[in-house]
Every structure is written in C-alpha cells, then in structure tokens.
C-alpha cells in the first residue's frame, strides 16, 4: 500500500515539475544607489539560524567592481 502511494506521489511530483513556464520578466536596469545604506527589519518569518535575533539590520554598499557588499547584523 505504501509503495503504491509513494509511486503515485513521485509520479505526480515529477509530472508537476516538468511543466514549462514562461521566463520571468526582468527590468533592464536597477538603481542600486537607491537601496544602499542600512535597512532595519520590522517583521520576519524566523528561520532556525535566526532564533532569538533582535534588532536585525542589513547594510548594503556598492563596491568599486559593481558588486554589492551585504553586512547582516
């Protein structure tokens, strides 16, 4: 019984995964300067590695090579 259930589940899972979806629309340019600076968290879905964290912030800075440096605190 369990084997039959598992086979049906796996079939449905992989059949659903094979569905083709159109590519996501993206924007040609993002003004990263608007997002640089420190952002404070006001709500969250807590993950196990964040348990007990308080006053969380993330600082975003644009590096000279164009990459973004992220510092989470």
PDB file of N, CA and C in Angstrom:
ATOM      1  N   UNK A   1       0.832  -1.199   0.000  1.00  0.00           N
ATOM      2  CA  UNK A   1       0.000   0.000   0.000  1.00  0.00           C
ATOM      3  C   UNK A   1       0.873   1.259   0.000  1.00  0.00           C
ATOM      4  N   UNK A   2       1.870   1.279   0.898  1.00  0.00           N
ATOM      5  CA  UNK A   2       2.754   2.446   0.982  1.00  0.00           C
ATOM      6  C   UNK A   2       3.538   2.629  -0.310  1.00  0.00           C
ATOM      7  N   UNK A   3       3.983   1.506  -0.905  1.00  0.00           N
ATOM      8  CA  UNK A   3       4.743   1.593  -2.156  1.00  0.00           C
ATOM      9  C   UNK A   3       3.891   2.197  -3.264  1.00  0.00           C
ATOM     10  N   UNK A   4       2.629   1.809  -3.321  1.00  0.00           N
ATOM     11  CA  UNK A   4       1.733   2.364  -4.346  1.00  0.00           C
ATOM     12  C   UNK A   4       1.545   3.863  -4.131  1.00  0.00           C
ATOM     13  N   UNK A   5       1.340   4.261  -2.896  1.00  0.00           N
ATOM     14  CA  UNK A   5       1.189   5.680  -2.583  1.00  0.00           C
ATOM     15  C   UNK A   5       2.441   6.447  -2.974  1.00  0.00           C
ATOM     16  N   UNK A   6       3.595   5.902  -2.633  1.00  0.00           N
ATOM     17  CA  UNK A   6       4.868   6.553  -2.953  1.00  0.00           C
ATOM     18  C   UNK A   6       5.051   6.684  -4.458  1.00  0.00           C
ATOM     19  N   UNK A   7       4.722   5.641  -5.206  1.00  0.00           N
ATOM     20  CA  UNK A   7       4.850   5.702  -6.659  1.00  0.00           C
ATOM     21  C   UNK A   7       3.925   6.759  -7.263  1.00  0.00           C
ATOM     22  N   UNK A   8       2.686   6.813  -6.799  1.00  0.00           N
ATOM     23  CA  UNK A   8       1.748   7.813  -7.298  1.00  0.00           C
ATOM     24  C   UNK A   8       2.237   9.213  -6.935  1.00  0.00           C
ATOM     25  N   UNK A   9       2.689   9.388  -5.690  1.00  0.00           N
ATOM     26  CA  UNK A   9       3.199  10.688  -5.254  1.00  0.00           C
ATOM     27  C   UNK A   9       4.379  11.128  -6.110  1.00  0.00           C
ATOM     28  N   UNK A  10       5.338  10.238  -6.323  1.00  0.00           N
ATOM     29  CA  UNK A  10       6.512  10.579  -7.127  1.00  0.00           C
ATOM     30  C   UNK A  10       6.130  10.915  -8.560  1.00  0.00           C
ATOM     31  N   UNK A  11       5.201  10.155  -9.115  1.00  0.00           N
ATOM     32  CA  UNK A  11       4.750  10.436 -10.480  1.00  0.00           C
ATOM     33  C   UNK A  11       4.139  11.831 -10.568  1.00  0.00           C
ATOM     34  N   UNK A  12       3.236  12.151  -9.644  1.00  0.00           N
ATOM     35  CA  UNK A  12       2.591  13.455  -9.658  1.00  0.00           C
ATOM     36  C   UNK A  12       3.592  14.583  -9.414  1.00  0.00           C
ATOM     37  N   UNK A  13       4.542  14.344  -8.512  1.00  0.00           N
ATOM     38  CA  UNK A  13       5.561  15.349  -8.220  1.00  0.00           C
ATOM     39  C   UNK A  13       6.378  15.673  -9.463  1.00  0.00           C
ATOM     40  N   UNK A  14       6.888  14.639 -10.119  1.00  0.00           N
ATOM     41  CA  UNK A  14       7.733  14.875 -11.285  1.00  0.00           C
ATOM     42  C   UNK A  14       6.929  15.359 -12.479  1.00  0.00           C
ATOM     43  N   UNK A  15       5.682  14.969 -12.593  1.00  0.00           N
ATOM     44  CA  UNK A  15       4.833  15.477 -13.674  1.00  0.00           C
ATOM     45  C   UNK A  15       4.600  16.974 -13.481  1.00  0.00           C
ATOM     46  N   UNK A  16       4.412  17.398 -12.239  1.00  0.00           N
ATOM     47  CA  UNK A  16       4.229  18.823 -11.955  1.00  0.00           C
ATOM     48  C   UNK A  16       5.495  19.623 -12.183  1.00  0.00           C
ATOM     49  N   UNK A  17       6.637  19.011 -11.923  1.00  0.00           N
ATOM     50  CA  UNK A  17       7.916  19.714 -12.097  1.00  0.00           C
ATOM     51  C   UNK A  17       8.266  19.898 -13.566  1.00  0.00           C
ATOM     52  N   UNK A  18       7.701  19.077 -14.417  1.00  0.00           N
ATOM     53  CA  UNK A  18       8.080  19.151 -15.822  1.00  0.00           C
ATOM     54  C   UNK A  18       7.288  20.206 -16.588  1.00  0.00           C
ATOM     55  N   UNK A  19       6.332  20.848 -15.941  1.00  0.00           N
ATOM     56  CA  UNK A  19       5.533  21.866 -16.627  1.00  0.00           C
ATOM     57  C   UNK A  19       6.427  23.020 -17.051  1.00  0.00           C
ATOM     58  N   UNK A  20       6.221  23.509 -18.263  1.00  0.00           N
ATOM     59  CA  UNK A  20       7.034  24.636 -18.728  1.00  0.00           C
ATOM     60  C   UNK A  20       6.344  25.940 -18.356  1.00  0.00           C
ATOM     61  N   UNK A  21       7.123  26.882 -17.959  1.00  0.00           N
ATOM     62  CA  UNK A  21       6.633  28.193 -17.575  1.00  0.00           C
ATOM     63  C   UNK A  21       7.344  29.246 -18.413  1.00  0.00           C
ATOM     64  N   UNK A  22       6.664  30.346 -18.725  1.00  0.00           N
ATOM     65  CA  UNK A  22       7.350  31.402 -19.481  1.00  0.00           C
ATOM     66  C   UNK A  22       8.437  32.035 -18.624  1.00  0.00           C
ATOM     67  N   UNK A  23       9.471  32.567 -19.237  1.00  0.00           N
ATOM     68  CA  UNK A  23      10.538  33.209 -18.453  1.00  0.00           C
ATOM     69  C   UNK A  23       9.998  34.417 -17.687  1.00  0.00           C
ATOM     70  N   UNK A  24      10.567  34.662 -16.516  1.00  0.00           N
ATOM     71  CA  UNK A  24      10.157  35.800 -15.713  1.00  0.00           C
ATOM     72  C   UNK A  24      10.597  37.109 -16.370  1.00  0.00           C
ATOM     73  N   UNK A  25       9.741  38.089 -16.266  1.00  0.00           N
ATOM     74  CA  UNK A  25      10.081  39.407 -16.802  1.00  0.00           C
ATOM     75  C   UNK A  25      11.057  40.096 -15.846  1.00  0.00           C
ATOM     76  N   UNK A  26      12.082  40.698 -16.391  1.00  0.00           N
ATOM     77  CA  UNK A  26      13.058  41.423 -15.578  1.00  0.00           C
ATOM     78  C   UNK A  26      13.187  42.847 -16.108  1.00  0.00           C
ATOM     79  N   UNK A  27      13.756  43.694 -15.291  1.00  0.00           N
ATOM     80  CA  UNK A  27      13.975  45.074 -15.713  1.00  0.00           C
ATOM     81  C   UNK A  27      15.390  45.196 -16.268  1.00  0.00           C
ATOM     82  N   UNK A  28      15.605  46.116 -17.198  1.00  0.00           N
ATOM     83  CA  UNK A  28      16.931  46.238 -17.793  1.00  0.00           C
ATOM     84  C   UNK A  28      17.963  46.891 -16.874  1.00  0.00           C
ATOM     85  N   UNK A  29      17.494  47.665 -15.886  1.00  0.00           N
ATOM     86  CA  UNK A  29      18.430  48.402 -15.036  1.00  0.00           C
ATOM     87  C   UNK A  29      17.808  48.626 -13.658  1.00  0.00           C
ATOM     88  N   UNK A  30      18.628  48.538 -12.629  1.00  0.00           N
ATOM     89  CA  UNK A  30      18.191  48.821 -11.256  1.00  0.00           C
ATOM     90  C   UNK A  30      19.125  49.877 -10.686  1.00  0.00           C
ATOM     91  N   UNK A  31      18.568  50.918 -10.100  1.00  0.00           N
ATOM     92  CA  UNK A  31      19.383  51.963  -9.484  1.00  0.00           C
ATOM     93  C   UNK A  31      19.772  51.518  -8.074  1.00  0.00           C
ATOM     94  N   UNK A  32      20.920  50.844  -7.981  1.00  0.00           N
ATOM     95  CA  UNK A  32      21.357  50.284  -6.703  1.00  0.00           C
ATOM     96  C   UNK A  32      21.613  51.350  -5.652  1.00  0.00           C
ATOM     97  N   UNK A  33      21.969  52.550  -6.083  1.00  0.00           N
ATOM     98  CA  UNK A  33      22.220  53.627  -5.116  1.00  0.00           C
ATOM     99  C   UNK A  33      21.005  53.893  -4.236  1.00  0.00           C
ATOM    100  N   UNK A  34      19.822  53.699  -4.792  1.00  0.00           N
ATOM    101  CA  UNK A  34      18.601  53.928  -4.015  1.00  0.00           C
ATOM    102  C   UNK A  34      18.460  52.938  -2.859  1.00  0.00           C
ATOM    103  N   UNK A  35      19.073  51.777  -2.993  1.00  0.00           N
ATOM    104  CA  UNK A  35      18.928  50.732  -1.985  1.00  0.00           C
ATOM    105  C   UNK A  35      20.132  50.617  -1.062  1.00  0.00           C
ATOM    106  N   UNK A  36      21.206  51.340  -1.357  1.00  0.00           N
ATOM    107  CA  UNK A  36      22.384  51.247  -0.498  1.00  0.00           C
ATOM    108  C   UNK A  36      22.104  51.957   0.824  1.00  0.00           C
ATOM    109  N   UNK A  37      22.782  51.489   1.861  1.00  0.00           N
ATOM    110  CA  UNK A  37      22.573  52.025   3.197  1.00  0.00           C
ATOM    111  C   UNK A  37      22.129  50.911   4.139  1.00  0.00           C
ATOM    112  N   UNK A  38      21.621  51.293   5.288  1.00  0.00           N
ATOM    113  CA  UNK A  38      21.201  50.316   6.294  1.00  0.00           C
ATOM    114  C   UNK A  38      19.687  50.204   6.307  1.00  0.00           C
ATOM    115  N   UNK A  39      19.214  48.981   6.262  1.00  0.00           N
ATOM    116  CA  UNK A  39      17.796  48.668   6.318  1.00  0.00           C
ATOM    117  C   UNK A  39      17.529  47.884   7.593  1.00  0.00           C
ATOM    118  N   UNK A  40      16.476  48.263   8.307  1.00  0.00           N
ATOM    119  CA  UNK A  40      16.132  47.610   9.564  1.00  0.00           C
ATOM    120  C   UNK A  40      14.935  46.692   9.363  1.00  0.00           C
ATOM    121  N   UNK A  41      15.019  45.527   9.961  1.00  0.00           N
ATOM    122  CA  UNK A  41      13.959  44.542   9.837  1.00  0.00           C
ATOM    123  C   UNK A  41      12.808  44.899  10.774  1.00  0.00           C
ATOM    124  N   UNK A  42      11.587  44.925  10.236  1.00  0.00           N
ATOM    125  CA  UNK A  42      10.438  45.229  11.080  1.00  0.00           C
ATOM    126  C   UNK A  42       9.555  44.008  11.288  1.00  0.00           C
ATOM    127  N   UNK A  43       9.752  42.970  10.480  1.00  0.00           N
ATOM    128  CA  UNK A  43       8.994  41.723  10.623  1.00  0.00           C
ATOM    129  C   UNK A  43       9.795  40.609   9.970  1.00  0.00           C
ATOM    130  N   UNK A  44       9.485  39.380  10.322  1.00  0.00           N
ATOM    131  CA  UNK A  44      10.221  38.259   9.729  1.00  0.00           C
ATOM    132  C   UNK A  44       9.458  36.960   9.869  1.00  0.00           C
ATOM    133  N   UNK A  45       9.827  36.011   9.012  1.00  0.00           N
ATOM    134  CA  UNK A  45       9.482  34.614   9.181  1.00  0.00           C
ATOM    135  C   UNK A  45      10.770  33.986   9.702  1.00  0.00           C
ATOM    136  N   UNK A  46      10.799  33.714  10.983  1.00  0.00           N
ATOM    137  CA  UNK A  46      12.049  33.292  11.621  1.00  0.00           C
ATOM    138  C   UNK A  46      12.497  31.911  11.148  1.00  0.00           C
ATOM    139  N   UNK A  47      13.782  31.824  10.818  1.00  0.00           N
ATOM    140  CA  UNK A  47      14.412  30.559  10.463  1.00  0.00           C
ATOM    141  C   UNK A  47      15.194  30.048  11.671  1.00  0.00           C
ATOM    142  N   UNK A  48      15.534  28.769  11.650  1.00  0.00           N
ATOM    143  CA  UNK A  48      16.213  28.185  12.804  1.00  0.00           C
ATOM    144  C   UNK A  48      17.527  28.890  13.109  1.00  0.00           C
ATOM    145  N   UNK A  49      18.215  29.396  12.084  1.00  0.00           N
ATOM    146  CA  UNK A  49      19.507  30.042  12.314  1.00  0.00           C
ATOM    147  C   UNK A  49      19.357  31.487  12.772  1.00  0.00           C
ATOM    148  N   UNK A  50      18.128  32.001  12.816  1.00  0.00           N
ATOM    149  CA  UNK A  50      17.880  33.365  13.293  1.00  0.00           C
ATOM    150  C   UNK A  50      17.229  33.373  14.670  1.00  0.00           C
ATOM    151  N   UNK A  51      17.065  32.227  15.264  1.00  0.00           N
ATOM    152  CA  UNK A  51      16.323  32.133  16.521  1.00  0.00           C
ATOM    153  C   UNK A  51      16.916  33.062  17.581  1.00  0.00           C
ATOM    154  N   UNK A  52      16.067  33.893  18.145  1.00  0.00           N
ATOM    155  CA  UNK A  52      16.487  34.795  19.202  1.00  0.00           C
ATOM    156  C   UNK A  52      17.126  36.092  18.735  1.00  0.00           C
ATOM    157  N   UNK A  53      17.257  36.294  17.423  1.00  0.00           N
ATOM    158  CA  UNK A  53      17.856  37.537  16.927  1.00  0.00           C
ATOM    159  C   UNK A  53      16.906  38.709  17.170  1.00  0.00           C
ATOM    160  N   UNK A  54      17.450  39.817  17.597  1.00  0.00           N
ATOM    161  CA  UNK A  54      16.675  41.041  17.842  1.00  0.00           C
ATOM    162  C   UNK A  54      17.393  42.210  17.176  1.00  0.00           C
ATOM    163  N   UNK A  55      16.648  43.261  16.836  1.00  0.00           N
ATOM    164  CA  UNK A  55      17.214  44.473  16.230  1.00  0.00           C
ATOM    165  C   UNK A  55      18.081  44.147  15.010  1.00  0.00           C
ATOM    166  N   UNK A  56      17.527  43.389  14.083  1.00  0.00           N
ATOM    167  CA  UNK A  56      18.258  42.933  12.909  1.00  0.00           C
ATOM    168  C   UNK A  56      18.316  44.036  11.865  1.00  0.00           C
ATOM    169  N   UNK A  57      19.492  44.179  11.228  1.00  0.00           N
ATOM    170  CA  UNK A  57      19.645  45.139  10.140  1.00  0.00           C
ATOM    171  C   UNK A  57      20.547  44.539   9.067  1.00  0.00           C
ATOM    172  N   UNK A  58      20.438  45.101   7.871  1.00  0.00           N
ATOM    173  CA  UNK A  58      21.311  44.717   6.759  1.00  0.00           C
ATOM    174  C   UNK A  58      21.833  46.000   6.127  1.00  0.00           C
ATOM    175  N   UNK A  59      23.134  46.057   5.927  1.00  0.00           N
ATOM    176  CA  UNK A  59      23.759  47.224   5.288  1.00  0.00           C
ATOM    177  C   UNK A  59      24.231  46.824   3.899  1.00  0.00           C
ATOM    178  N   UNK A  60      23.848  47.611   2.906  1.00  0.00           N
ATOM    179  CA  UNK A  60      24.199  47.354   1.520  1.00  0.00           C
ATOM    180  C   UNK A  60      25.119  48.463   1.033  1.00  0.00           C
ATOM    181  N   UNK A  61      26.242  48.078   0.426  1.00  0.00           N
ATOM    182  CA  UNK A  61      27.202  49.047  -0.111  1.00  0.00           C
ATOM    183  C   UNK A  61      27.656  48.565  -1.486  1.00  0.00           C
ATOM    184  N   UNK A  62      27.803  49.489  -2.419  1.00  0.00           N
ATOM    185  CA  UNK A  62      28.249  49.146  -3.763  1.00  0.00           C
ATOM    186  C   UNK A  62      29.768  49.208  -3.795  1.00  0.00           C
ATOM    187  N   UNK A  63      30.390  48.101  -4.177  1.00  0.00           N
ATOM    188  CA  UNK A  63      31.842  48.025  -4.238  1.00  0.00           C
ATOM    189  C   UNK A  63      32.337  48.631  -5.549  1.00  0.00           C
ATOM    190  N   UNK A  64      33.631  48.887  -5.636  1.00  0.00           N
ATOM    191  CA  UNK A  64      34.218  49.535  -6.816  1.00  0.00           C
ATOM    192  C   UNK A  64      34.063  48.704  -8.076  1.00  0.00           C
ATOM    193  N   UNK A  65      33.944  47.360  -7.923  1.00  0.00           N
ATOM    194  CA  UNK A  65      33.782  46.500  -9.096  1.00  0.00           C
ATOM    195  C   UNK A  65      32.316  46.336  -9.502  1.00  0.00           C
ATOM    196  N   UNK A  66      31.402  47.011  -8.802  1.00  0.00           N
ATOM    197  CA  UNK A  66      29.989  46.946  -9.150  1.00  0.00           C
ATOM    198  C   UNK A  66      29.199  45.924  -8.358  1.00  0.00           C
ATOM    199  N   UNK A  67      29.887  45.030  -7.647  1.00  0.00           N
ATOM    200  CA  UNK A  67      29.203  44.060  -6.807  1.00  0.00           C
ATOM    201  C   UNK A  67      28.609  44.762  -5.586  1.00  0.00           C
ATOM    202  N   UNK A  68      27.717  44.075  -4.899  1.00  0.00           N
ATOM    203  CA  UNK A  68      27.088  44.635  -3.714  1.00  0.00           C
ATOM    204  C   UNK A  68      27.601  43.906  -2.479  1.00  0.00           C
ATOM    205  N   UNK A  69      28.079  44.657  -1.487  1.00  0.00           N
ATOM    206  CA  UNK A  69      28.532  44.090  -0.224  1.00  0.00           C
ATOM    207  C   UNK A  69      27.356  44.162   0.755  1.00  0.00           C
ATOM    208  N   UNK A  70      27.033  43.026   1.366  1.00  0.00           N
ATOM    209  CA  UNK A  70      25.924  42.955   2.318  1.00  0.00           C
ATOM    210  C   UNK A  70      26.480  42.555   3.678  1.00  0.00           C
ATOM    211  N   UNK A  71      26.161  43.364   4.689  1.00  0.00           N
ATOM    212  CA  UNK A  71      26.570  43.051   6.057  1.00  0.00           C
ATOM    213  C   UNK A  71      25.299  42.935   6.899  1.00  0.00           C
ATOM    214  N   UNK A  72      25.041  41.724   7.368  1.00  0.00           N
ATOM    215  CA  UNK A  72      23.875  41.482   8.223  1.00  0.00           C
ATOM    216  C   UNK A  72      24.292  41.549   9.688  1.00  0.00           C
ATOM    217  N   UNK A  73      23.478  42.199  10.494  1.00  0.00           N
ATOM    218  CA  UNK A  73      23.759  42.295  11.925  1.00  0.00           C
ATOM    219  C   UNK A  73      22.505  41.995  12.701  1.00  0.00           C
TER     220      UNK A  73
END
